[in-house]
Amino acid sequence: MAIIDVVLALVESADEITPFVFAERAEGNVHATIVTANSARAMILGRRMVRDQLAEATAYAIVCDSFVRIEGVRHDAVLIEHAARGELTAEIVAYPYRATEDGLSIGEAVPFQRRPTALVPLDPHALDWGPIIPDLYNAGLNKAAHSVTHRLDTDDAVDRTIRFLGARARMFARHLPPTPPPGQLAFIDLRGQTVPEARRARLTNGLAGVMEEVKLMTEDN
């Protein structure tokens, strides 16, 4: 039986819909309740549970209560995300329902969306973000420049900027001329804030090997 049929049977037999994760595993299936009152939050928590605790599952489904609009009319609906191992994406389907004396009556499936499966570690760089460009590209010098103005008042803030610029450089490299690969430069605006020398060194050292050059813009330059 497909996992979508299993969870639909669980939903139909329930008096009310409580968000849950259902996962099929070789050592036994898992049926875990998600404790939240927010359907969007339930999906996020469910995916996190699958990634962190059920990565060995052969299939999973995340179920939460929501609603859909069909021809402008709002209907209560069960939202189910499901995927099996080997599939690159998970399918999210909405099933309108109504409460009856005998339980919940489930209607026809309404396709909602597809998204990366929680059974595969998500690599943002593997997604199709469409064509993108750096802040400045000089074809003559074959240089690409990135300019950022970030708050840098803590070490954590500096580390976030290092990760941000590293990701930008990696992503932009896919959209720049491949031969020869252009040098990438970072212009980081420090004006209006006090950034100690130790934090500046942390920033430039963290971008070594990522950016060809890091320029720190201050009131003096």
N, C-alpha and C. Protein backbone atom coordinates (compact mmCIF):
# COMPACT_ATOMS: atom_id res chain seq x y z
N MET A 1 0.84 -1.19 0.00
CA MET A 1 0.00 0.00 0.00
C MET A 1 0.88 1.25 0.00
N ALA A 2 0.57 2.19 -0.87
CA ALA A 2 1.35 3.44 -0.94
C ALA A 2 1.16 4.23 0.35
N ILE A 3 2.19 4.99 0.70
CA ILE A 3 2.13 5.72 1.97
C ILE A 3 0.99 6.73 2.00
N ILE A 4 0.64 7.30 0.84
CA ILE A 4 -0.46 8.26 0.82
C ILE A 4 -1.77 7.58 1.22
N ASP A 5 -1.97 6.31 0.81
CA ASP A 5 -3.17 5.57 1.18
C ASP A 5 -3.19 5.24 2.66
N VAL A 6 -2.01 4.96 3.22
CA VAL A 6 -1.91 4.65 4.64
C VAL A 6 -2.33 5.86 5.47
N VAL A 7 -1.78 7.04 5.15
CA VAL A 7 -2.09 8.22 5.97
C VAL A 7 -3.52 8.69 5.75
N LEU A 8 -4.05 8.51 4.56
CA LEU A 8 -5.46 8.87 4.33
C LEU A 8 -6.37 8.00 5.19
N ALA A 9 -6.03 6.74 5.31
CA ALA A 9 -6.82 5.84 6.17
C ALA A 9 -6.74 6.29 7.63
N LEU A 10 -5.55 6.74 8.07
CA LEU A 10 -5.40 7.23 9.43
C LEU A 10 -6.24 8.49 9.65
N VAL A 11 -6.24 9.36 8.66
CA VAL A 11 -7.01 10.59 8.77
C VAL A 11 -8.51 10.29 8.83
N GLU A 12 -8.98 9.42 7.95
CA GLU A 12 -10.41 9.10 7.90
C GLU A 12 -10.92 8.47 9.19
N SER A 13 -10.04 7.78 9.90
CA SER A 13 -10.46 7.10 11.13
C SER A 13 -10.37 8.00 12.36
N ALA A 14 -9.86 9.22 12.19
CA ALA A 14 -9.67 10.12 13.32
C ALA A 14 -10.90 11.00 13.53
N ASP A 15 -11.10 11.43 14.78
CA ASP A 15 -12.19 12.36 15.09
C ASP A 15 -11.82 13.79 14.71
N GLU A 16 -10.55 14.10 14.79
CA GLU A 16 -10.06 15.42 14.40
C GLU A 16 -8.65 15.26 13.85
N ILE A 17 -8.21 16.28 13.11
CA ILE A 17 -6.91 16.18 12.45
C ILE A 17 -5.85 16.85 13.32
N THR A 18 -4.93 16.05 13.80
CA THR A 18 -3.78 16.55 14.53
C THR A 18 -2.55 16.36 13.64
N PRO A 19 -1.72 17.39 13.47
CA PRO A 19 -0.56 17.25 12.58
C PRO A 19 0.33 16.07 13.00
N PHE A 20 0.79 15.31 12.01
CA PHE A 20 1.67 14.19 12.35
C PHE A 20 2.59 13.85 11.19
N VAL A 21 3.64 13.11 11.52
CA VAL A 21 4.57 12.53 10.54
C VAL A 21 4.40 11.03 10.57
N PHE A 22 4.33 10.44 9.38
CA PHE A 22 4.32 8.98 9.27
C PHE A 22 5.48 8.58 8.38
N ALA A 23 6.32 7.68 8.86
CA ALA A 23 7.49 7.26 8.08
C ALA A 23 7.57 5.74 8.07
N GLU A 24 7.89 5.21 6.91
CA GLU A 24 8.09 3.76 6.76
C GLU A 24 9.58 3.47 6.84
N ARG A 25 9.93 2.54 7.73
CA ARG A 25 11.33 2.15 7.92
C ARG A 25 11.43 0.64 7.97
N ALA A 26 12.61 0.13 7.66
CA ALA A 26 12.82 -1.31 7.68
C ALA A 26 12.60 -1.87 9.08
N GLU A 27 13.00 -1.12 10.12
CA GLU A 27 12.89 -1.61 11.49
C GLU A 27 11.53 -1.30 12.12
N GLY A 28 10.61 -0.72 11.35
CA GLY A 28 9.27 -0.43 11.87
C GLY A 28 8.84 0.98 11.52
N ASN A 29 7.57 1.14 11.31
CA ASN A 29 7.04 2.45 10.94
C ASN A 29 6.98 3.38 12.14
N VAL A 30 6.99 4.68 11.85
CA VAL A 30 6.92 5.71 12.88
C VAL A 30 5.70 6.58 12.62
N HIS A 31 4.93 6.81 13.68
CA HIS A 31 3.77 7.71 13.62
C HIS A 31 3.94 8.69 14.77
N ALA A 32 4.36 9.92 14.46
CA ALA A 32 4.70 10.89 15.49
C ALA A 32 3.85 12.14 15.36
N THR A 33 3.30 12.60 16.46
CA THR A 33 2.50 13.83 16.47
C THR A 33 3.39 15.05 16.43
N ILE A 34 2.97 16.06 15.68
CA ILE A 34 3.67 17.35 15.63
C ILE A 34 2.92 18.31 16.53
N VAL A 35 3.60 18.86 17.52
CA VAL A 35 2.93 19.73 18.49
C VAL A 35 3.05 21.18 18.04
N THR A 36 2.02 21.66 17.36
CA THR A 36 1.92 23.06 16.95
C THR A 36 0.51 23.30 16.46
N ALA A 37 0.06 24.54 16.56
CA ALA A 37 -1.29 24.88 16.10
C ALA A 37 -1.27 25.55 14.73
N ASN A 38 -0.08 25.69 14.16
CA ASN A 38 0.07 26.40 12.89
C ASN A 38 0.41 25.41 11.79
N SER A 39 -0.40 25.37 10.72
CA SER A 39 -0.20 24.36 9.68
C SER A 39 1.12 24.56 8.94
N ALA A 40 1.49 25.83 8.66
CA ALA A 40 2.76 26.08 7.98
C ALA A 40 3.92 25.64 8.87
N ARG A 41 3.81 25.93 10.15
CA ARG A 41 4.84 25.51 11.10
C ARG A 41 4.89 23.99 11.19
N ALA A 42 3.75 23.32 11.10
CA ALA A 42 3.71 21.86 11.17
C ALA A 42 4.51 21.25 10.04
N MET A 43 4.39 21.79 8.84
CA MET A 43 5.15 21.27 7.71
C MET A 43 6.65 21.45 7.94
N ILE A 44 7.04 22.62 8.44
CA ILE A 44 8.46 22.89 8.70
C ILE A 44 9.00 21.93 9.75
N LEU A 45 8.26 21.76 10.85
CA LEU A 45 8.71 20.86 11.92
C LEU A 45 8.73 19.41 11.44
N GLY A 46 7.76 19.06 10.60
CA GLY A 46 7.72 17.70 10.07
C GLY A 46 8.91 17.39 9.20
N ARG A 47 9.27 18.33 8.33
CA ARG A 47 10.44 18.12 7.46
C ARG A 47 11.71 18.02 8.30
N ARG A 48 11.79 18.84 9.33
CA ARG A 48 12.97 18.80 10.20
C ARG A 48 13.07 17.44 10.89
N MET A 49 11.93 16.91 11.33
CA MET A 49 11.92 15.60 11.98
C MET A 49 12.39 14.51 11.02
N VAL A 50 11.92 14.57 9.78
CA VAL A 50 12.33 13.58 8.79
C VAL A 50 13.82 13.68 8.53
N ARG A 51 14.32 14.90 8.31
CA ARG A 51 15.75 15.08 8.00
C ARG A 51 16.64 14.65 9.16
N ASP A 52 16.25 15.04 10.39
CA ASP A 52 17.13 14.85 11.54
C ASP A 52 16.98 13.49 12.21
N GLN A 53 15.78 12.91 12.19
CA GLN A 53 15.53 11.70 12.96
C GLN A 53 15.09 10.50 12.13
N LEU A 54 14.65 10.75 10.89
CA LEU A 54 14.10 9.65 10.10
C LEU A 54 14.74 9.58 8.72
N ALA A 55 16.01 9.96 8.65
CA ALA A 55 16.69 10.02 7.35
C ALA A 55 16.81 8.67 6.67
N GLU A 56 16.69 7.58 7.46
CA GLU A 56 16.81 6.24 6.87
C GLU A 56 15.47 5.71 6.37
N ALA A 57 14.41 6.49 6.49
CA ALA A 57 13.08 6.05 6.07
C ALA A 57 13.04 5.76 4.57
N THR A 58 12.18 4.83 4.19
CA THR A 58 12.00 4.53 2.77
C THR A 58 10.91 5.41 2.15
N ALA A 59 10.05 5.95 3.00
CA ALA A 59 9.00 6.88 2.54
C ALA A 59 8.50 7.65 3.75
N TYR A 60 7.96 8.84 3.50
CA TYR A 60 7.42 9.63 4.61
C TYR A 60 6.21 10.41 4.13
N ALA A 61 5.41 10.83 5.10
CA ALA A 61 4.29 11.72 4.82
C ALA A 61 4.15 12.67 6.01
N ILE A 62 3.85 13.93 5.73
CA ILE A 62 3.58 14.92 6.75
C ILE A 62 2.14 15.38 6.55
N VAL A 63 1.35 15.36 7.61
CA VAL A 63 -0.07 15.65 7.51
C VAL A 63 -0.43 16.81 8.43
N CYS A 64 -1.21 17.76 7.92
CA CYS A 64 -1.69 18.85 8.77
C CYS A 64 -3.04 19.34 8.26
N ASP A 65 -3.75 20.02 9.15
CA ASP A 65 -5.06 20.58 8.82
C ASP A 65 -4.87 21.95 8.18
N SER A 66 -5.60 22.21 7.11
CA SER A 66 -5.46 23.49 6.42
C SER A 66 -6.76 23.79 5.69
N PHE A 67 -6.68 24.53 4.59
CA PHE A 67 -7.87 24.79 3.78
C PHE A 67 -7.44 25.09 2.35
N VAL A 68 -8.36 24.95 1.43
CA VAL A 68 -8.13 25.31 0.03
C VAL A 68 -9.34 26.09 -0.46
N ARG A 69 -9.12 26.86 -1.51
CA ARG A 69 -10.23 27.55 -2.15
C ARG A 69 -10.46 26.91 -3.52
N ILE A 70 -11.66 26.46 -3.75
CA ILE A 70 -12.04 25.85 -5.02
C ILE A 70 -13.14 26.70 -5.63
N GLU A 71 -12.82 27.30 -6.77
CA GLU A 71 -13.74 28.23 -7.43
C GLU A 71 -14.21 29.32 -6.48
N GLY A 72 -13.24 29.82 -5.69
CA GLY A 72 -13.51 30.93 -4.79
C GLY A 72 -14.15 30.56 -3.47
N VAL A 73 -14.47 29.29 -3.27
CA VAL A 73 -15.12 28.84 -2.04
C VAL A 73 -14.10 28.14 -1.14
N ARG A 74 -14.05 28.56 0.12
CA ARG A 74 -13.10 27.95 1.06
C ARG A 74 -13.61 26.61 1.54
N HIS A 75 -12.69 25.62 1.56
CA HIS A 75 -13.00 24.28 2.05
C HIS A 75 -11.94 23.86 3.05
N ASP A 76 -12.36 23.26 4.17
CA ASP A 76 -11.39 22.62 5.05
C ASP A 76 -10.67 21.53 4.26
N ALA A 77 -9.39 21.36 4.53
CA ALA A 77 -8.63 20.37 3.76
C ALA A 77 -7.49 19.80 4.59
N VAL A 78 -7.15 18.55 4.28
CA VAL A 78 -5.96 17.92 4.83
C VAL A 78 -4.83 18.16 3.83
N LEU A 79 -3.73 18.70 4.32
CA LEU A 79 -2.56 18.92 3.47
C LEU A 79 -1.55 17.82 3.76
N ILE A 80 -1.15 17.11 2.71
CA ILE A 80 -0.23 15.98 2.89
C ILE A 80 0.97 16.14 1.97
N GLU A 81 2.16 16.14 2.55
CA GLU A 81 3.40 16.08 1.78
C GLU A 81 3.92 14.66 1.87
N HIS A 82 4.25 14.06 0.72
CA HIS A 82 4.73 12.67 0.77
C HIS A 82 5.78 12.45 -0.31
N ALA A 83 6.68 11.53 -0.02
CA ALA A 83 7.74 11.16 -0.97
C ALA A 83 8.31 9.82 -0.57
N ALA A 84 8.89 9.14 -1.53
CA ALA A 84 9.57 7.86 -1.30
C ALA A 84 11.04 8.00 -1.66
N ARG A 85 11.85 7.15 -1.07
CA ARG A 85 13.29 7.20 -1.35
C ARG A 85 13.53 6.97 -2.85
N GLY A 86 14.46 7.75 -3.40
CA GLY A 86 14.75 7.68 -4.82
C GLY A 86 14.06 8.76 -5.62
N GLU A 87 13.05 9.40 -5.03
CA GLU A 87 12.37 10.51 -5.69
C GLU A 87 13.08 11.81 -5.33
N LEU A 88 13.26 12.68 -6.31
CA LEU A 88 13.96 13.94 -6.07
C LEU A 88 13.08 14.98 -5.42
N THR A 89 11.77 14.87 -5.61
CA THR A 89 10.85 15.86 -5.05
C THR A 89 9.73 15.17 -4.29
N ALA A 90 9.15 15.92 -3.37
CA ALA A 90 7.97 15.46 -2.64
C ALA A 90 6.74 16.15 -3.24
N GLU A 91 5.63 15.47 -3.20
CA GLU A 91 4.37 16.04 -3.68
C GLU A 91 3.54 16.49 -2.49
N ILE A 92 2.96 17.67 -2.59
CA ILE A 92 2.04 18.16 -1.58
C ILE A 92 0.65 18.22 -2.21
N VAL A 93 -0.28 17.54 -1.57
CA VAL A 93 -1.64 17.42 -2.09
C VAL A 93 -2.62 17.86 -1.00
N ALA A 94 -3.65 18.57 -1.41
CA ALA A 94 -4.72 18.96 -0.49
C ALA A 94 -5.94 18.07 -0.74
N TYR A 95 -6.52 17.58 0.34
CA TYR A 95 -7.74 16.77 0.25
C TYR A 95 -8.85 17.49 1.01
N PRO A 96 -9.81 18.10 0.31
CA PRO A 96 -10.95 18.71 1.02
C PRO A 96 -11.69 17.64 1.83
N TYR A 97 -12.21 18.05 2.97
CA TYR A 97 -12.94 17.08 3.79
C TYR A 97 -14.12 17.77 4.48
N ARG A 98 -15.03 16.95 4.95
CA ARG A 98 -16.13 17.44 5.79
C ARG A 98 -16.37 16.42 6.88
N ALA A 99 -16.79 16.92 8.02
CA ALA A 99 -17.04 16.06 9.17
C ALA A 99 -18.44 15.45 9.05
N THR A 100 -18.54 14.16 9.31
CA THR A 100 -19.82 13.46 9.32
C THR A 100 -19.96 12.71 10.65
N GLU A 101 -21.12 12.11 10.88
CA GLU A 101 -21.33 11.33 12.11
C GLU A 101 -20.40 10.13 12.16
N ASP A 102 -19.99 9.66 11.00
CA ASP A 102 -19.13 8.47 10.94
C ASP A 102 -17.64 8.80 10.87
N GLY A 103 -17.29 10.09 10.95
CA GLY A 103 -15.89 10.50 10.85
C GLY A 103 -15.71 11.54 9.76
N LEU A 104 -14.54 11.58 9.20
CA LEU A 104 -14.24 12.56 8.16
C LEU A 104 -14.48 11.96 6.78
N SER A 105 -15.13 12.72 5.94
CA SER A 105 -15.34 12.31 4.55
C SER A 105 -14.34 13.06 3.68
N ILE A 106 -13.42 12.34 3.06
CA ILE A 106 -12.34 12.93 2.28
C ILE A 106 -12.74 13.07 0.83
N GLY A 107 -12.52 14.25 0.26
CA GLY A 107 -12.85 14.50 -1.13
C GLY A 107 -11.71 14.19 -2.08
N GLU A 108 -11.87 14.63 -3.32
CA GLU A 108 -10.88 14.37 -4.35
C GLU A 108 -9.61 15.19 -4.10
N ALA A 109 -8.48 14.63 -4.50
CA ALA A 109 -7.19 15.30 -4.31
C ALA A 109 -7.09 16.57 -5.16
N VAL A 110 -6.50 17.60 -4.57
CA VAL A 110 -6.22 18.84 -5.28
C VAL A 110 -4.70 19.04 -5.28
N PRO A 111 -4.02 18.85 -6.41
CA PRO A 111 -2.56 19.05 -6.44
C PRO A 111 -2.21 20.45 -5.96
N PHE A 112 -1.20 20.52 -5.08
CA PHE A 112 -0.82 21.80 -4.48
C PHE A 112 0.53 22.27 -5.00
N GLN A 113 1.58 21.51 -4.74
CA GLN A 113 2.91 21.88 -5.23
C GLN A 113 3.87 20.70 -5.06
N ARG A 114 5.05 20.84 -5.67
CA ARG A 114 6.14 19.90 -5.46
C ARG A 114 7.30 20.69 -4.86
N ARG A 115 8.08 20.02 -4.02
CA ARG A 115 9.23 20.65 -3.37
C ARG A 115 10.29 19.59 -3.15
N PRO A 116 11.54 20.02 -2.84
CA PRO A 116 12.59 19.03 -2.58
C PRO A 116 12.21 18.08 -1.46
N THR A 117 12.47 16.81 -1.64
CA THR A 117 12.13 15.82 -0.63
C THR A 117 12.98 15.99 0.62
N ALA A 118 12.39 15.69 1.76
CA ALA A 118 13.12 15.76 3.03
C ALA A 118 14.04 14.57 3.23
N LEU A 119 13.98 13.57 2.33
CA LEU A 119 14.84 12.41 2.46
C LEU A 119 16.23 12.64 1.86
N VAL A 120 16.41 13.75 1.18
CA VAL A 120 17.70 14.08 0.57
C VAL A 120 18.18 15.40 1.17
N PRO A 121 19.42 15.47 1.68
CA PRO A 121 19.93 16.73 2.22
C PRO A 121 19.79 17.85 1.18
N LEU A 122 19.25 18.96 1.61
CA LEU A 122 18.98 20.05 0.69
C LEU A 122 20.24 20.86 0.43
N ASP A 123 20.62 20.97 -0.84
CA ASP A 123 21.74 21.81 -1.25
C ASP A 123 21.16 23.00 -2.02
N PRO A 124 21.09 24.19 -1.41
CA PRO A 124 20.50 25.34 -2.09
C PRO A 124 21.15 25.63 -3.43
N HIS A 125 22.44 25.29 -3.57
CA HIS A 125 23.14 25.58 -4.82
C HIS A 125 22.69 24.66 -5.95
N ALA A 126 22.00 23.58 -5.61
CA ALA A 126 21.52 22.68 -6.66
C ALA A 126 20.17 23.11 -7.21
N LEU A 127 19.53 24.10 -6.57
CA LEU A 127 18.23 24.56 -7.02
C LEU A 127 18.38 25.53 -8.19
N ASP A 128 17.35 25.64 -8.98
CA ASP A 128 17.36 26.56 -10.12
C ASP A 128 16.82 27.91 -9.68
N TRP A 129 17.72 28.85 -9.44
CA TRP A 129 17.34 30.19 -9.00
C TRP A 129 17.15 31.14 -10.17
N GLY A 130 17.33 30.64 -11.40
CA GLY A 130 17.23 31.51 -12.55
C GLY A 130 18.54 32.27 -12.74
N PRO A 131 18.64 33.05 -13.83
CA PRO A 131 19.87 33.80 -14.09
C PRO A 131 20.07 34.89 -13.05
N ILE A 132 21.29 35.03 -12.58
CA ILE A 132 21.63 36.06 -11.60
C ILE A 132 22.94 36.71 -11.99
N ILE A 133 23.17 37.91 -11.50
CA ILE A 133 24.39 38.63 -11.82
C ILE A 133 24.96 39.24 -10.55
N PRO A 134 26.27 39.50 -10.51
CA PRO A 134 26.86 40.19 -9.37
C PRO A 134 26.50 41.67 -9.43
N ASP A 135 26.92 42.41 -8.42
CA ASP A 135 26.62 43.84 -8.41
C ASP A 135 27.35 44.57 -9.52
N LEU A 136 28.52 44.07 -9.90
CA LEU A 136 29.29 44.71 -10.97
C LEU A 136 30.18 43.67 -11.62
N TYR A 137 30.24 43.70 -12.97
CA TYR A 137 31.15 42.82 -13.69
C TYR A 137 31.89 43.63 -14.74
N ASN A 138 33.21 43.58 -14.70
CA ASN A 138 34.05 44.28 -15.67
C ASN A 138 34.66 43.23 -16.59
N ALA A 139 34.16 43.18 -17.85
CA ALA A 139 34.62 42.17 -18.80
C ALA A 139 36.08 42.37 -19.15
N GLY A 140 36.52 43.65 -19.23
CA GLY A 140 37.90 43.92 -19.59
C GLY A 140 38.88 43.37 -18.57
N LEU A 141 38.55 43.57 -17.29
CA LEU A 141 39.40 43.07 -16.21
C LEU A 141 39.03 41.64 -15.79
N ASN A 142 37.88 41.18 -16.28
CA ASN A 142 37.34 39.88 -15.89
C ASN A 142 37.24 39.78 -14.37
N LYS A 143 36.57 40.80 -13.80
CA LYS A 143 36.37 40.85 -12.35
C LYS A 143 34.88 41.02 -12.05
N ALA A 144 34.44 40.34 -11.02
CA ALA A 144 33.08 40.48 -10.54
C ALA A 144 33.12 41.02 -9.11
N ALA A 145 32.31 42.02 -8.84
CA ALA A 145 32.34 42.66 -7.52
C ALA A 145 31.00 42.50 -6.81
N HIS A 146 31.07 42.31 -5.51
CA HIS A 146 29.88 42.20 -4.66
C HIS A 146 29.97 43.27 -3.58
N SER A 147 28.88 43.97 -3.34
CA SER A 147 28.87 45.04 -2.35
C SER A 147 27.80 44.74 -1.31
N VAL A 148 28.19 44.74 -0.03
CA VAL A 148 27.23 44.48 1.04
C VAL A 148 27.37 45.50 2.15
N THR A 149 26.26 45.77 2.80
CA THR A 149 26.24 46.60 4.01
C THR A 149 25.53 45.79 5.08
N HIS A 150 26.30 45.16 5.95
CA HIS A 150 25.75 44.30 6.99
C HIS A 150 26.12 44.84 8.37
N ARG A 151 25.29 44.52 9.34
CA ARG A 151 25.65 44.81 10.72
C ARG A 151 26.74 43.83 11.14
N LEU A 152 27.82 44.36 11.69
CA LEU A 152 28.99 43.52 12.02
C LEU A 152 29.44 43.77 13.46
N ASP A 153 28.46 43.88 14.36
CA ASP A 153 28.79 44.24 15.74
C ASP A 153 29.07 43.04 16.65
N THR A 154 28.95 41.83 16.11
CA THR A 154 29.28 40.63 16.89
C THR A 154 30.03 39.64 16.00
N ASP A 155 30.69 38.68 16.63
CA ASP A 155 31.38 37.65 15.86
C ASP A 155 30.38 36.82 15.06
N ASP A 156 29.21 36.56 15.64
CA ASP A 156 28.19 35.80 14.91
C ASP A 156 27.75 36.55 13.65
N ALA A 157 27.62 37.87 13.76
CA ALA A 157 27.22 38.67 12.60
C ALA A 157 28.30 38.62 11.52
N VAL A 158 29.55 38.65 11.93
CA VAL A 158 30.65 38.54 10.98
C VAL A 158 30.62 37.18 10.28
N ASP A 159 30.39 36.13 11.06
CA ASP A 159 30.35 34.78 10.48
C ASP A 159 29.20 34.64 9.49
N ARG A 160 28.06 35.28 9.78
CA ARG A 160 26.94 35.24 8.84
C ARG A 160 27.30 35.92 7.53
N THR A 161 28.03 37.03 7.61
CA THR A 161 28.45 37.72 6.39
C THR A 161 29.44 36.88 5.60
N ILE A 162 30.31 36.17 6.28
CA ILE A 162 31.25 35.27 5.60
C ILE A 162 30.49 34.19 4.86
N ARG A 163 29.49 33.59 5.52
CA ARG A 163 28.70 32.55 4.87
C ARG A 163 27.91 33.12 3.69
N PHE A 164 27.36 34.30 3.89
CA PHE A 164 26.56 34.94 2.84
C PHE A 164 27.40 35.21 1.59
N LEU A 165 28.56 35.81 1.77
CA LEU A 165 29.40 36.13 0.62
C LEU A 165 29.98 34.87 -0.01
N GLY A 166 30.27 33.87 0.81
CA GLY A 166 30.76 32.61 0.25
C GLY A 166 29.72 31.96 -0.64
N ALA A 167 28.46 31.99 -0.19
CA ALA A 167 27.38 31.41 -1.00
C ALA A 167 27.17 32.22 -2.27
N ARG A 168 27.24 33.53 -2.17
CA ARG A 168 27.08 34.38 -3.36
C ARG A 168 28.18 34.07 -4.38
N ALA A 169 29.41 33.98 -3.92
CA ALA A 169 30.53 33.73 -4.83
C ALA A 169 30.35 32.38 -5.53
N ARG A 170 29.94 31.37 -4.76
CA ARG A 170 29.76 30.04 -5.34
C ARG A 170 28.63 30.04 -6.36
N MET A 171 27.51 30.69 -6.02
CA MET A 171 26.37 30.71 -6.92
C MET A 171 26.65 31.55 -8.17
N PHE A 172 27.25 32.72 -7.97
CA PHE A 172 27.50 33.60 -9.11
C PHE A 172 28.50 33.00 -10.08
N ALA A 173 29.41 32.16 -9.58
CA ALA A 173 30.41 31.54 -10.45
C ALA A 173 29.76 30.74 -11.57
N ARG A 174 28.55 30.24 -11.31
CA ARG A 174 27.84 29.45 -12.32
C ARG A 174 27.29 30.33 -13.44
N HIS A 175 27.21 31.64 -13.23
CA HIS A 175 26.59 32.55 -14.20
C HIS A 175 27.60 33.51 -14.82
N LEU A 176 28.86 33.35 -14.49
CA LEU A 176 29.91 34.19 -15.04
C LEU A 176 30.69 33.41 -16.10
N PRO A 177 31.43 34.10 -16.96
CA PRO A 177 32.21 33.40 -18.00
C PRO A 177 33.09 32.32 -17.39
N PRO A 178 33.06 31.11 -17.93
CA PRO A 178 33.79 30.01 -17.31
C PRO A 178 35.29 30.01 -17.57
N THR A 179 35.72 30.61 -18.71
CA THR A 179 37.13 30.54 -19.09
C THR A 179 37.62 31.91 -19.57
N PRO A 180 38.62 32.47 -18.89
CA PRO A 180 39.08 32.03 -17.57
C PRO A 180 38.11 32.48 -16.49
N PRO A 181 38.02 31.76 -15.38
CA PRO A 181 37.08 32.16 -14.34
C PRO A 181 37.44 33.54 -13.79
N PRO A 182 36.48 34.44 -13.66
CA PRO A 182 36.78 35.79 -13.19
C PRO A 182 37.14 35.82 -11.71
N GLY A 183 37.95 36.81 -11.35
CA GLY A 183 38.22 37.03 -9.94
C GLY A 183 37.01 37.70 -9.31
N GLN A 184 36.70 37.35 -8.07
CA GLN A 184 35.55 37.95 -7.38
C GLN A 184 36.05 38.78 -6.20
N LEU A 185 35.51 39.97 -6.10
CA LEU A 185 35.91 40.92 -5.07
C LEU A 185 34.71 41.26 -4.21
N ALA A 186 34.95 41.53 -2.93
CA ALA A 186 33.89 41.94 -2.02
C ALA A 186 34.18 43.32 -1.47
N PHE A 187 33.20 44.22 -1.61
CA PHE A 187 33.25 45.54 -0.99
C PHE A 187 32.28 45.52 0.19
N ILE A 188 32.81 45.67 1.40
CA ILE A 188 32.00 45.59 2.61
C ILE A 188 31.99 46.95 3.28
N ASP A 189 30.81 47.51 3.39
CA ASP A 189 30.66 48.88 3.91
C ASP A 189 30.60 48.85 5.44
N LEU A 190 31.60 49.45 6.07
CA LEU A 190 31.65 49.52 7.54
C LEU A 190 31.21 50.88 8.07
N ARG A 191 30.87 51.79 7.18
CA ARG A 191 30.54 53.14 7.61
C ARG A 191 29.31 53.16 8.51
N GLY A 192 29.38 53.97 9.56
CA GLY A 192 28.27 54.09 10.49
C GLY A 192 28.29 53.09 11.62
N GLN A 193 29.32 52.27 11.69
CA GLN A 193 29.44 51.32 12.79
C GLN A 193 30.90 51.14 13.17
N THR A 194 31.12 50.76 14.39
CA THR A 194 32.48 50.55 14.88
C THR A 194 32.79 49.05 14.84
N VAL A 195 33.76 48.69 14.01
CA VAL A 195 34.15 47.28 13.88
C VAL A 195 35.60 47.16 14.30
N PRO A 196 35.89 46.54 15.44
CA PRO A 196 37.27 46.43 15.93
C PRO A 196 38.17 45.70 14.94
N GLU A 197 39.45 45.93 15.06
CA GLU A 197 40.41 45.32 14.15
C GLU A 197 40.34 43.79 14.18
N ALA A 198 40.12 43.22 15.35
CA ALA A 198 40.04 41.77 15.45
C ALA A 198 38.88 41.23 14.64
N ARG A 199 37.77 41.96 14.64
CA ARG A 199 36.59 41.51 13.89
C ARG A 199 36.81 41.72 12.40
N ARG A 200 37.53 42.78 12.04
CA ARG A 200 37.85 42.99 10.62
C ARG A 200 38.75 41.87 10.11
N ALA A 201 39.71 41.48 10.95
CA ALA A 201 40.61 40.39 10.55
C ALA A 201 39.84 39.08 10.42
N ARG A 202 38.88 38.88 11.32
CA ARG A 202 38.05 37.67 11.25
C ARG A 202 37.29 37.63 9.92
N LEU A 203 36.84 38.79 9.49
CA LEU A 203 36.08 38.90 8.25
C LEU A 203 36.96 38.61 7.03
N THR A 204 38.09 39.27 6.95
CA THR A 204 38.96 39.08 5.78
C THR A 204 39.57 37.68 5.76
N ASN A 205 39.94 37.15 6.92
CA ASN A 205 40.50 35.80 6.96
C ASN A 205 39.45 34.76 6.58
N GLY A 206 38.21 35.00 6.99
CA GLY A 206 37.14 34.06 6.68
C GLY A 206 36.80 34.01 5.20
N LEU A 207 37.13 35.08 4.48
CA LEU A 207 36.84 35.13 3.04
C LEU A 207 38.06 34.80 2.19
N ALA A 208 39.17 34.52 2.85
CA ALA A 208 40.38 34.14 2.11
C ALA A 208 40.12 32.85 1.36
N GLY A 209 40.48 32.82 0.09
CA GLY A 209 40.23 31.65 -0.73
C GLY A 209 38.85 31.65 -1.36
N VAL A 210 37.99 32.56 -0.90
CA VAL A 210 36.65 32.71 -1.48
C VAL A 210 36.62 33.92 -2.39
N MET A 211 37.08 35.03 -1.86
CA MET A 211 37.16 36.27 -2.63
C MET A 211 38.62 36.55 -2.96
N GLU A 212 38.85 37.01 -4.18
CA GLU A 212 40.21 37.36 -4.57
C GLU A 212 40.70 38.55 -3.75
N GLU A 213 39.78 39.44 -3.41
CA GLU A 213 40.16 40.61 -2.62
C GLU A 213 38.95 41.07 -1.82
N VAL A 214 39.20 41.53 -0.61
CA VAL A 214 38.14 42.06 0.26
C VAL A 214 38.51 43.51 0.59
N LYS A 215 37.62 44.42 0.25
CA LYS A 215 37.84 45.84 0.52
C LYS A 215 36.86 46.30 1.60
N LEU A 216 37.37 46.80 2.69
CA LEU A 216 36.53 47.30 3.78
C LEU A 216 36.37 48.80 3.62
N MET A 217 35.16 49.24 3.38
CA MET A 217 34.87 50.65 3.10
C MET A 217 34.57 51.36 4.43
N THR A 218 35.35 52.38 4.73
CA THR A 218 35.16 53.18 5.95
C THR A 218 35.02 54.65 5.58
N GLU A 219 34.82 55.48 6.58
CA GLU A 219 34.71 56.92 6.34
C GLU A 219 36.01 57.50 5.78
N ASP A 220 37.12 56.78 5.97
CA ASP A 220 38.42 57.28 5.54
C ASP A 220 38.81 56.85 4.15
N ASN A 221 38.04 55.97 3.51
CA ASN A 221 38.43 55.55 2.16
C ASN A 221 37.22 55.47 1.23
